[in-house]
Amino acid sequence: MMKRLFFGLAVEAPWPVSLPEGRVLTPECRHMTLAFLGNVSWADVEALLPTLPLPQLKVGVAGHADRSLLLPPAHPHVVAWHVQWRGEAATRLLTYQQELVAFLRAAGYHLDSRPFLPHVTMARSPFDTHAWRKAFHPMPMVSHTVHLYESVGSLNYTSLWSHHLLSPIEEISHTADVAFRIRAESMQQLGINAQIALCFMMPGLLPYLNEMFPDISLEDIVISLNDSITRADSELGCPLKAVSFHGDVVAGPEGVITWEMVVDV
């Protein structure tokens, strides 16, 4: 049986409710392609899955869409958002994409030789290019699942195989304020993932984020987060009041650390 297959990352974001006209992908189908196989034998690909390389990550990646793309530039028929993943997790993800492509090529598949362009397709033609350019705003994003997708037509994609990582951010119930469970494999990535969690609440915070350094402490992370909130509030107005100096970083199995971040709103 032949199927149209590709490997990709499921991408989550606080997607805009309203978007310009076009053949717009539903939020559930928005993804980042890692390796496109095309129309191939499902049985042959299925036989490869037990030996498929897996990402050297326990926790998913966090980042943001930093610009819109019209592809191909000369005669665009795709609107996409370029994604800038952040921290050491981004480097490991890029390494994984290269390892996956090399594995599939060694298995005899002919993959696109162009450099990897991390992006999420938002819509396909016909569309108004000016309207889509105007509609773009920086947007936080996370991903924690690799799928083998089948394209089943009409911009719909079904997962035939999945590899799950821990989510870098998870909103949890709190008595009065808003709280997130932040996961990472280092303190630097913990700070980055906490920043992106705040941006899920207010994407306008993205330009106000500070650099997170490798030797950063939890106290430094909270101070940095509150500095971003203060600067955003002075210029834009911000519904977030402050991140609480609350809780400790908890070390879990396989090098994963967790912090419950409480945000006063």
C-alpha atoms as a PDB file:
ATOM      1  CA  MET A   1       0.000   0.000   0.000  1.00  0.00           C
ATOM      2  CA  MET A   2       1.383   3.392  -1.011  1.00  0.00           C
ATOM      3  CA  LYS A   3       0.965   6.332   1.334  1.00  0.00           C
ATOM      4  CA  ARG A   4       2.097   9.968   1.240  1.00  0.00           C
ATOM      5  CA  LEU A   5       4.301  10.144   4.343  1.00  0.00           C
ATOM      6  CA  PHE A   6       6.540  12.543   6.237  1.00  0.00           C
ATOM      7  CA  PHE A   7       8.080  12.897   9.684  1.00  0.00           C
ATOM      8  CA  GLY A   8       7.241  16.059  11.587  1.00  0.00           C
ATOM      9  CA  LEU A   9       6.808  17.766  14.931  1.00  0.00           C
ATOM     10  CA  ALA A  10       3.346  18.610  16.229  1.00  0.00           C
ATOM     11  CA  VAL A  11       3.472  22.307  17.154  1.00  0.00           C
ATOM     12  CA  GLU A  12       1.389  24.037  19.833  1.00  0.00           C
ATOM     13  CA  ALA A  13       0.861  27.800  20.144  1.00  0.00           C
ATOM     14  CA  PRO A  14      -1.751  30.321  21.288  1.00  0.00           C
ATOM     15  CA  TRP A  15      -2.958  30.498  17.700  1.00  0.00           C
ATOM     16  CA  PRO A  16      -4.842  33.598  16.539  1.00  0.00           C
ATOM     17  CA  VAL A  17      -8.592  33.097  16.456  1.00  0.00           C
ATOM     18  CA  SER A  18      -8.903  35.043  13.213  1.00  0.00           C
ATOM     19  CA  LEU A  19      -6.596  34.603  10.212  1.00  0.00           C
ATOM     20  CA  PRO A  20      -6.730  35.902   6.619  1.00  0.00           C
ATOM     21  CA  GLU A  21      -8.526  33.923   3.970  1.00  0.00           C
ATOM     22  CA  GLY A  22      -6.849  30.964   2.342  1.00  0.00           C
ATOM     23  CA  ARG A  23      -6.748  27.205   2.601  1.00  0.00           C
ATOM     24  CA  VAL A  24      -5.872  27.437   6.287  1.00  0.00           C
ATOM     25  CA  LEU A  25      -4.626  24.397   8.196  1.00  0.00           C
ATOM     26  CA  THR A  26      -6.525  23.586  11.388  1.00  0.00           C
ATOM     27  CA  PRO A  27      -4.519  23.981  14.628  1.00  0.00           C
ATOM     28  CA  GLU A  28      -4.435  20.191  15.053  1.00  0.00           C
ATOM     29  CA  CYS A  29      -2.690  19.791  11.692  1.00  0.00           C
ATOM     30  CA  ARG A  30      -0.043  22.520  12.095  1.00  0.00           C
ATOM     31  CA  HIS A  31       3.379  20.924  12.235  1.00  0.00           C
ATOM     32  CA  MET A  32       7.049  21.305  11.370  1.00  0.00           C
ATOM     33  CA  THR A  33       8.243  18.863   8.707  1.00  0.00           C
ATOM     34  CA  LEU A  34      11.512  17.096   9.529  1.00  0.00           C
ATOM     35  CA  ALA A  35      11.760  14.742   6.538  1.00  0.00           C
ATOM     36  CA  PHE A  36       9.348  14.384   3.630  1.00  0.00           C
ATOM     37  CA  LEU A  37       9.217  10.931   2.036  1.00  0.00           C
ATOM     38  CA  GLY A  38       6.447  11.410  -0.529  1.00  0.00           C
ATOM     39  CA  ASN A  39       4.417   8.531  -1.964  1.00  0.00           C
ATOM     40  CA  VAL A  40       6.123   5.426  -0.636  1.00  0.00           C
ATOM     41  CA  SER A  41       5.384   1.882   0.500  1.00  0.00           C
ATOM     42  CA  TRP A  42       3.877   1.937   3.984  1.00  0.00           C
ATOM     43  CA  ALA A  43       5.103  -1.598   4.675  1.00  0.00           C
ATOM     44  CA  ASP A  44       8.707  -0.610   3.933  1.00  0.00           C
ATOM     45  CA  VAL A  45       8.558   2.455   6.193  1.00  0.00           C
ATOM     46  CA  GLU A  46       6.814   0.523   8.961  1.00  0.00           C
ATOM     47  CA  ALA A  47       9.641  -2.027   8.911  1.00  0.00           C
ATOM     48  CA  LEU A  48      12.152   0.781   9.566  1.00  0.00           C
ATOM     49  CA  LEU A  49      10.393   2.205  12.616  1.00  0.00           C
ATOM     50  CA  PRO A  50      11.979  -0.093  15.257  1.00  0.00           C
ATOM     51  CA  THR A  51      15.461   1.131  14.253  1.00  0.00           C
ATOM     52  CA  LEU A  52      14.538   4.767  13.607  1.00  0.00           C
ATOM     53  CA  PRO A  53      16.847   7.256  15.396  1.00  0.00           C
ATOM     54  CA  LEU A  54      15.154   9.147  18.216  1.00  0.00           C
ATOM     55  CA  PRO A  55      15.910  12.669  19.455  1.00  0.00           C
ATOM     56  CA  GLN A  56      18.411  12.927  22.308  1.00  0.00           C
ATOM     57  CA  LEU A  57      15.882  14.899  24.304  1.00  0.00           C
ATOM     58  CA  LYS A  58      13.747  14.019  27.309  1.00  0.00           C
ATOM     59  CA  VAL A  59      11.844  17.323  27.241  1.00  0.00           C
ATOM     60  CA  GLY A  60      10.377  19.006  24.181  1.00  0.00           C
ATOM     61  CA  VAL A  61      11.477  22.284  22.634  1.00  0.00           C
ATOM     62  CA  ALA A  62      10.278  25.855  23.166  1.00  0.00           C
ATOM     63  CA  GLY A  63      10.682  28.929  20.995  1.00  0.00           C
ATOM     64  CA  HIS A  64       8.746  31.374  18.869  1.00  0.00           C
ATOM     65  CA  ALA A  65       7.692  32.238  15.342  1.00  0.00           C
ATOM     66  CA  ASP A  66       9.814  35.238  14.398  1.00  0.00           C
ATOM     67  CA  ARG A  67       8.694  36.042  10.850  1.00  0.00           C
ATOM     68  CA  SER A  68       6.332  35.025   8.074  1.00  0.00           C
ATOM     69  CA  LEU A  69       7.479  33.192   4.946  1.00  0.00           C
ATOM     70  CA  LEU A  70       5.932  33.047   1.477  1.00  0.00           C
ATOM     71  CA  LEU A  71       7.192  29.943  -0.292  1.00  0.00           C
ATOM     72  CA  PRO A  72       8.586  29.721  -2.854  1.00  0.00           C
ATOM     73  CA  PRO A  73       9.439  33.444  -2.878  1.00  0.00           C
ATOM     74  CA  ALA A  74       9.022  33.962  -6.643  1.00  0.00           C
ATOM     75  CA  HIS A  75       5.564  32.395  -6.944  1.00  0.00           C
ATOM     76  CA  PRO A  76       4.338  31.615  -3.420  1.00  0.00           C
ATOM     77  CA  HIS A  77       1.698  28.996  -2.832  1.00  0.00           C
ATOM     78  CA  VAL A  78       2.434  28.451   0.883  1.00  0.00           C
ATOM     79  CA  VAL A  79       2.207  30.815   3.858  1.00  0.00           C
ATOM     80  CA  ALA A  80       4.450  29.672   6.710  1.00  0.00           C
ATOM     81  CA  TRP A  81       5.819  31.019   9.973  1.00  0.00           C
ATOM     82  CA  HIS A  82       9.532  30.637  10.550  1.00  0.00           C
ATOM     83  CA  VAL A  83      10.304  29.150  13.982  1.00  0.00           C
ATOM     84  CA  GLN A  84      13.270  29.985  16.169  1.00  0.00           C
ATOM     85  CA  TRP A  85      13.666  27.237  18.767  1.00  0.00           C
ATOM     86  CA  ARG A  86      15.694  28.372  21.788  1.00  0.00           C
ATOM     87  CA  GLY A  87      18.493  27.015  23.957  1.00  0.00           C
ATOM     88  CA  GLU A  88      20.438  23.770  23.872  1.00  0.00           C
ATOM     89  CA  ALA A  89      17.254  21.838  23.053  1.00  0.00           C
ATOM     90  CA  ALA A  90      17.189  23.648  19.706  1.00  0.00           C
ATOM     91  CA  THR A  91      20.703  22.396  18.902  1.00  0.00           C
ATOM     92  CA  ARG A  92      19.746  18.820  19.775  1.00  0.00           C
ATOM     93  CA  LEU A  93      16.645  19.078  17.615  1.00  0.00           C
ATOM     94  CA  LEU A  94      18.676  20.251  14.614  1.00  0.00           C
ATOM     95  CA  THR A  95      21.116  17.376  15.173  1.00  0.00           C
ATOM     96  CA  TYR A  96      18.199  14.957  15.273  1.00  0.00           C
ATOM     97  CA  GLN A  97      16.761  16.273  12.023  1.00  0.00           C
ATOM     98  CA  GLN A  98      20.119  15.699  10.334  1.00  0.00           C
ATOM     99  CA  GLU A  99      20.411  12.183  11.810  1.00  0.00           C
ATOM    100  CA  LEU A 100      16.881  11.319  10.683  1.00  0.00           C
ATOM    101  CA  VAL A 101      17.543  12.500   7.126  1.00  0.00           C
ATOM    102  CA  ALA A 102      20.836  10.565   6.993  1.00  0.00           C
ATOM    103  CA  PHE A 103      19.114   7.398   8.246  1.00  0.00           C
ATOM    104  CA  LEU A 104      16.344   7.650   5.656  1.00  0.00           C
ATOM    105  CA  ARG A 105      18.771   8.353   2.825  1.00  0.00           C
ATOM    106  CA  ALA A 106      20.826   5.308   3.848  1.00  0.00           C
ATOM    107  CA  ALA A 107      17.600   3.302   3.628  1.00  0.00           C
ATOM    108  CA  GLY A 108      17.208   4.393   0.010  1.00  0.00           C
ATOM    109  CA  TYR A 109      14.816   7.345   0.243  1.00  0.00           C
ATOM    110  CA  HIS A 110      15.422  10.453  -1.860  1.00  0.00           C
ATOM    111  CA  LEU A 111      14.923  13.502   0.341  1.00  0.00           C
ATOM    112  CA  ASP A 112      15.081  17.204  -0.398  1.00  0.00           C
ATOM    113  CA  SER A 113      18.713  18.363  -0.419  1.00  0.00           C
ATOM    114  CA  ARG A 114      17.928  21.976   0.499  1.00  0.00           C
ATOM    115  CA  PRO A 115      19.015  23.211   3.956  1.00  0.00           C
ATOM    116  CA  PHE A 116      16.510  22.586   6.729  1.00  0.00           C
ATOM    117  CA  LEU A 117      14.153  25.552   7.154  1.00  0.00           C
ATOM    118  CA  PRO A 118      12.246  25.306  10.462  1.00  0.00           C
ATOM    119  CA  HIS A 119       8.724  26.519   9.730  1.00  0.00           C
ATOM    120  CA  VAL A 120       5.064  25.796  10.307  1.00  0.00           C
ATOM    121  CA  THR A 121       2.774  25.912   7.286  1.00  0.00           C
ATOM    122  CA  MET A 122      -0.282  28.046   8.008  1.00  0.00           C
ATOM    123  CA  ALA A 123      -2.123  28.150   4.683  1.00  0.00           C
ATOM    124  CA  ARG A 124      -1.918  27.185   1.039  1.00  0.00           C
ATOM    125  CA  SER A 125      -2.996  29.108  -2.033  1.00  0.00           C
ATOM    126  CA  PRO A 126      -5.099  30.860  -3.019  1.00  0.00           C
ATOM    127  CA  PHE A 127      -4.448  33.626  -0.472  1.00  0.00           C
ATOM    128  CA  ASP A 128      -3.828  37.370  -0.184  1.00  0.00           C
ATOM    129  CA  THR A 129      -0.089  37.773   0.374  1.00  0.00           C
ATOM    130  CA  HIS A 130      -0.430  41.326   1.711  1.00  0.00           C
ATOM    131  CA  ALA A 131      -3.079  40.297   4.238  1.00  0.00           C
ATOM    132  CA  TRP A 132      -0.959  37.424   5.521  1.00  0.00           C
ATOM    133  CA  ARG A 133       2.150  39.594   5.868  1.00  0.00           C
ATOM    134  CA  LYS A 134       0.134  42.154   7.812  1.00  0.00           C
ATOM    135  CA  ALA A 135      -1.463  39.494  10.019  1.00  0.00           C
ATOM    136  CA  PHE A 136       1.801  38.045  11.310  1.00  0.00           C
ATOM    137  CA  HIS A 137       2.819  38.711  14.904  1.00  0.00           C
ATOM    138  CA  PRO A 138       5.562  36.891  16.860  1.00  0.00           C
ATOM    139  CA  MET A 139       4.091  33.839  18.525  1.00  0.00           C
ATOM    140  CA  PRO A 140       5.412  31.466  21.251  1.00  0.00           C
ATOM    141  CA  MET A 141       5.546  27.795  20.320  1.00  0.00           C
ATOM    142  CA  VAL A 142       6.357  24.443  21.882  1.00  0.00           C
ATOM    143  CA  SER A 143       6.661  20.913  20.538  1.00  0.00           C
ATOM    144  CA  HIS A 144       7.025  17.608  22.334  1.00  0.00           C
ATOM    145  CA  THR A 145       5.889  14.920  19.873  1.00  0.00           C
ATOM    146  CA  VAL A 146       7.486  13.503  16.719  1.00  0.00           C
ATOM    147  CA  HIS A 147       4.964  11.952  14.343  1.00  0.00           C
ATOM    148  CA  LEU A 148       5.093   9.924  11.182  1.00  0.00           C
ATOM    149  CA  TYR A 149       2.269  11.641   9.355  1.00  0.00           C
ATOM    150  CA  GLU A 150       0.174  10.465   6.443  1.00  0.00           C
ATOM    151  CA  SER A 151      -1.242  13.176   4.218  1.00  0.00           C
ATOM    152  CA  VAL A 152      -4.834  12.077   3.612  1.00  0.00           C
ATOM    153  CA  GLY A 153      -5.890  15.050   1.470  1.00  0.00           C
ATOM    154  CA  SER A 154      -7.626  18.404   1.972  1.00  0.00           C
ATOM    155  CA  LEU A 155      -4.791  19.571   4.297  1.00  0.00           C
ATOM    156  CA  ASN A 156      -5.512  16.792   6.784  1.00  0.00           C
ATOM    157  CA  TYR A 157      -2.789  14.665   8.375  1.00  0.00           C
ATOM    158  CA  THR A 158      -3.054  11.450  10.371  1.00  0.00           C
ATOM    159  CA  SER A 159      -0.359  10.147  12.715  1.00  0.00           C
ATOM    160  CA  LEU A 160       0.737   6.558  12.004  1.00  0.00           C
ATOM    161  CA  TRP A 161       3.540   6.499  14.612  1.00  0.00           C
ATOM    162  CA  SER A 162       4.593   8.820  17.437  1.00  0.00           C
ATOM    163  CA  HIS A 163       7.456   9.428  19.820  1.00  0.00           C
ATOM    164  CA  HIS A 164       6.501  11.527  22.840  1.00  0.00           C
ATOM    165  CA  LEU A 165       8.718  13.783  24.940  1.00  0.00           C
ATOM    166  CA  LEU A 166       7.783  15.509  28.181  1.00  0.00           C
ATOM    167  CA  SER A 167       6.072  18.826  27.587  1.00  0.00           C
ATOM    168  CA  PRO A 168       8.302  21.826  28.456  1.00  0.00           C
ATOM    169  CA  ILE A 169       5.295  23.732  29.834  1.00  0.00           C
ATOM    170  CA  GLU A 170       2.053  22.517  31.360  1.00  0.00           C
ATOM    171  CA  GLU A 171      -0.603  24.755  32.865  1.00  0.00           C
ATOM    172  CA  ILE A 172      -1.789  23.403  36.214  1.00  0.00           C
ATOM    173  CA  SER A 173      -4.666  24.375  38.488  1.00  0.00           C
ATOM    174  CA  HIS A 174      -3.997  26.915  41.240  1.00  0.00           C
ATOM    175  CA  THR A 175      -6.311  28.335  43.886  1.00  0.00           C
ATOM    176  CA  ALA A 176      -6.009  32.018  42.937  1.00  0.00           C
ATOM    177  CA  ASP A 177      -3.329  32.699  40.363  1.00  0.00           C
ATOM    178  CA  VAL A 178      -2.073  30.955  37.215  1.00  0.00           C
ATOM    179  CA  ALA A 179       0.528  28.214  37.530  1.00  0.00           C
ATOM    180  CA  PHE A 180       2.668  26.198  35.146  1.00  0.00           C
ATOM    181  CA  ARG A 181       4.773  23.099  35.565  1.00  0.00           C
ATOM    182  CA  ILE A 182       8.044  23.905  33.803  1.00  0.00           C
ATOM    183  CA  ARG A 183      10.294  21.023  32.726  1.00  0.00           C
ATOM    184  CA  ALA A 184      13.831  21.093  31.347  1.00  0.00           C
ATOM    185  CA  GLU A 185      17.166  19.287  31.322  1.00  0.00           C
ATOM    186  CA  SER A 186      19.203  22.286  32.553  1.00  0.00           C
ATOM    187  CA  MET A 187      18.638  25.488  34.519  1.00  0.00           C
ATOM    188  CA  GLN A 188      19.243  27.576  31.415  1.00  0.00           C
ATOM    189  CA  GLN A 189      16.545  25.691  29.499  1.00  0.00           C
ATOM    190  CA  LEU A 190      14.256  25.897  32.538  1.00  0.00           C
ATOM    191  CA  GLY A 191      14.493  29.686  32.344  1.00  0.00           C
ATOM    192  CA  ILE A 192      13.816  29.684  28.604  1.00  0.00           C
ATOM    193  CA  ASN A 193      10.816  27.390  28.954  1.00  0.00           C
ATOM    194  CA  ALA A 194       9.437  29.565  31.771  1.00  0.00           C
ATOM    195  CA  GLN A 195       9.710  32.603  29.495  1.00  0.00           C
ATOM    196  CA  ILE A 196       7.778  30.855  26.744  1.00  0.00           C
ATOM    197  CA  ALA A 197       5.088  29.807  29.244  1.00  0.00           C
ATOM    198  CA  LEU A 198       4.561  33.477  30.129  1.00  0.00           C
ATOM    199  CA  CYS A 199       4.386  34.333  26.434  1.00  0.00           C
ATOM    200  CA  PHE A 200       1.594  31.789  25.983  1.00  0.00           C
ATOM    201  CA  MET A 201      -0.367  34.060  28.325  1.00  0.00           C
ATOM    202  CA  MET A 202       0.842  37.268  26.638  1.00  0.00           C
ATOM    203  CA  PRO A 203       2.652  36.899  23.280  1.00  0.00           C
ATOM    204  CA  GLY A 204       3.531  40.604  23.441  1.00  0.00           C
ATOM    205  CA  LEU A 205       6.174  39.706  26.038  1.00  0.00           C
ATOM    206  CA  LEU A 206       8.420  38.137  23.384  1.00  0.00           C
ATOM    207  CA  PRO A 207      10.443  41.326  22.596  1.00  0.00           C
ATOM    208  CA  TYR A 208      11.125  41.842  26.320  1.00  0.00           C
ATOM    209  CA  LEU A 209      12.753  38.508  27.116  1.00  0.00           C
ATOM    210  CA  ASN A 210      16.229  38.488  28.644  1.00  0.00           C
ATOM    211  CA  GLU A 211      19.078  36.129  27.882  1.00  0.00           C
ATOM    212  CA  MET A 212      19.272  33.048  30.079  1.00  0.00           C
ATOM    213  CA  PHE A 213      22.829  32.036  30.983  1.00  0.00           C
ATOM    214  CA  PRO A 214      24.104  28.477  31.606  1.00  0.00           C
ATOM    215  CA  ASP A 215      24.870  29.037  35.306  1.00  0.00           C
ATOM    216  CA  ILE A 216      21.599  30.818  36.141  1.00  0.00           C
ATOM    217  CA  SER A 217      19.873  30.146  39.470  1.00  0.00           C
ATOM    218  CA  LEU A 218      16.143  29.898  40.151  1.00  0.00           C
ATOM    219  CA  GLU A 219      16.239  33.269  41.923  1.00  0.00           C
ATOM    220  CA  ASP A 220      17.902  34.792  38.856  1.00  0.00           C
ATOM    221  CA  ILE A 221      15.222  33.261  36.619  1.00  0.00           C
ATOM    222  CA  VAL A 222      12.385  34.776  38.665  1.00  0.00           C
ATOM    223  CA  ILE A 223      14.095  38.179  38.745  1.00  0.00           C
ATOM    224  CA  SER A 224      14.585  38.051  34.971  1.00  0.00           C
ATOM    225  CA  LEU A 225      10.961  37.045  34.349  1.00  0.00           C
ATOM    226  CA  ASN A 226       9.692  39.880  36.533  1.00  0.00           C
ATOM    227  CA  ASP A 227      11.994  42.348  34.791  1.00  0.00           C
ATOM    228  CA  SER A 228      10.445  41.345  31.450  1.00  0.00           C
ATOM    229  CA  ILE A 229       6.939  41.810  32.869  1.00  0.00           C
ATOM    230  CA  THR A 230       7.824  45.235  34.308  1.00  0.00           C
ATOM    231  CA  ARG A 231       9.329  46.514  31.046  1.00  0.00           C
ATOM    232  CA  ALA A 232       6.394  45.203  29.004  1.00  0.00           C
ATOM    233  CA  ASP A 233       3.923  46.761  31.420  1.00  0.00           C
ATOM    234  CA  SER A 234       5.599  50.177  31.232  1.00  0.00           C
ATOM    235  CA  GLU A 235       5.381  50.228  27.425  1.00  0.00           C
ATOM    236  CA  LEU A 236       2.350  48.114  26.531  1.00  0.00           C
ATOM    237  CA  GLY A 237       0.421  47.430  29.658  1.00  0.00           C
ATOM    238  CA  CYS A 238       0.577  43.857  30.912  1.00  0.00           C
ATOM    239  CA  PRO A 239      -2.117  41.716  32.550  1.00  0.00           C
ATOM    240  CA  LEU A 240       0.572  39.764  34.415  1.00  0.00           C
ATOM    241  CA  LYS A 241       1.681  41.231  37.731  1.00  0.00           C
ATOM    242  CA  ALA A 242       4.627  39.106  38.780  1.00  0.00           C
ATOM    243  CA  VAL A 243       6.121  35.636  39.018  1.00  0.00           C
ATOM    244  CA  SER A 244       6.186  34.443  42.587  1.00  0.00           C
ATOM    245  CA  PHE A 245       9.366  33.447  44.427  1.00  0.00           C
ATOM    246  CA  HIS A 246       7.660  30.145  45.034  1.00  0.00           C
ATOM    247  CA  GLY A 247       8.741  26.532  45.104  1.00  0.00           C
ATOM    248  CA  ASP A 248      11.986  24.748  44.423  1.00  0.00           C
ATOM    249  CA  VAL A 249      13.527  23.039  41.438  1.00  0.00           C
ATOM    250  CA  VAL A 250      12.904  19.299  41.781  1.00  0.00           C
ATOM    251  CA  ALA A 251      15.282  16.808  40.193  1.00  0.00           C
ATOM    252  CA  GLY A 252      13.528  13.882  38.550  1.00  0.00           C
ATOM    253  CA  PRO A 253      14.621  10.753  36.694  1.00  0.00           C
ATOM    254  CA  GLU A 254      16.928  10.851  33.662  1.00  0.00           C
ATOM    255  CA  GLY A 255      18.172  14.364  34.366  1.00  0.00           C
ATOM    256  CA  VAL A 256      14.798  16.123  34.050  1.00  0.00           C
ATOM    257  CA  ILE A 257      14.188  19.037  36.431  1.00  0.00           C
ATOM    258  CA  THR A 258      10.784  20.536  37.259  1.00  0.00           C
ATOM    259  CA  TRP A 259       9.589  23.813  38.739  1.00  0.00           C
ATOM    260  CA  GLU A 260       6.050  24.944  39.498  1.00  0.00           C
ATOM    261  CA  MET A 261       5.878  28.581  38.400  1.00  0.00           C
ATOM    262  CA  VAL A 262       3.104  30.672  39.964  1.00  0.00           C
ATOM    263  CA  VAL A 263       2.086  33.861  38.155  1.00  0.00           C
ATOM    264  CA  ASP A 264       0.131  36.642  39.879  1.00  0.00           C
ATOM    265  CA  VAL A 265      -2.466  38.046  37.463  1.00  0.00           C
END
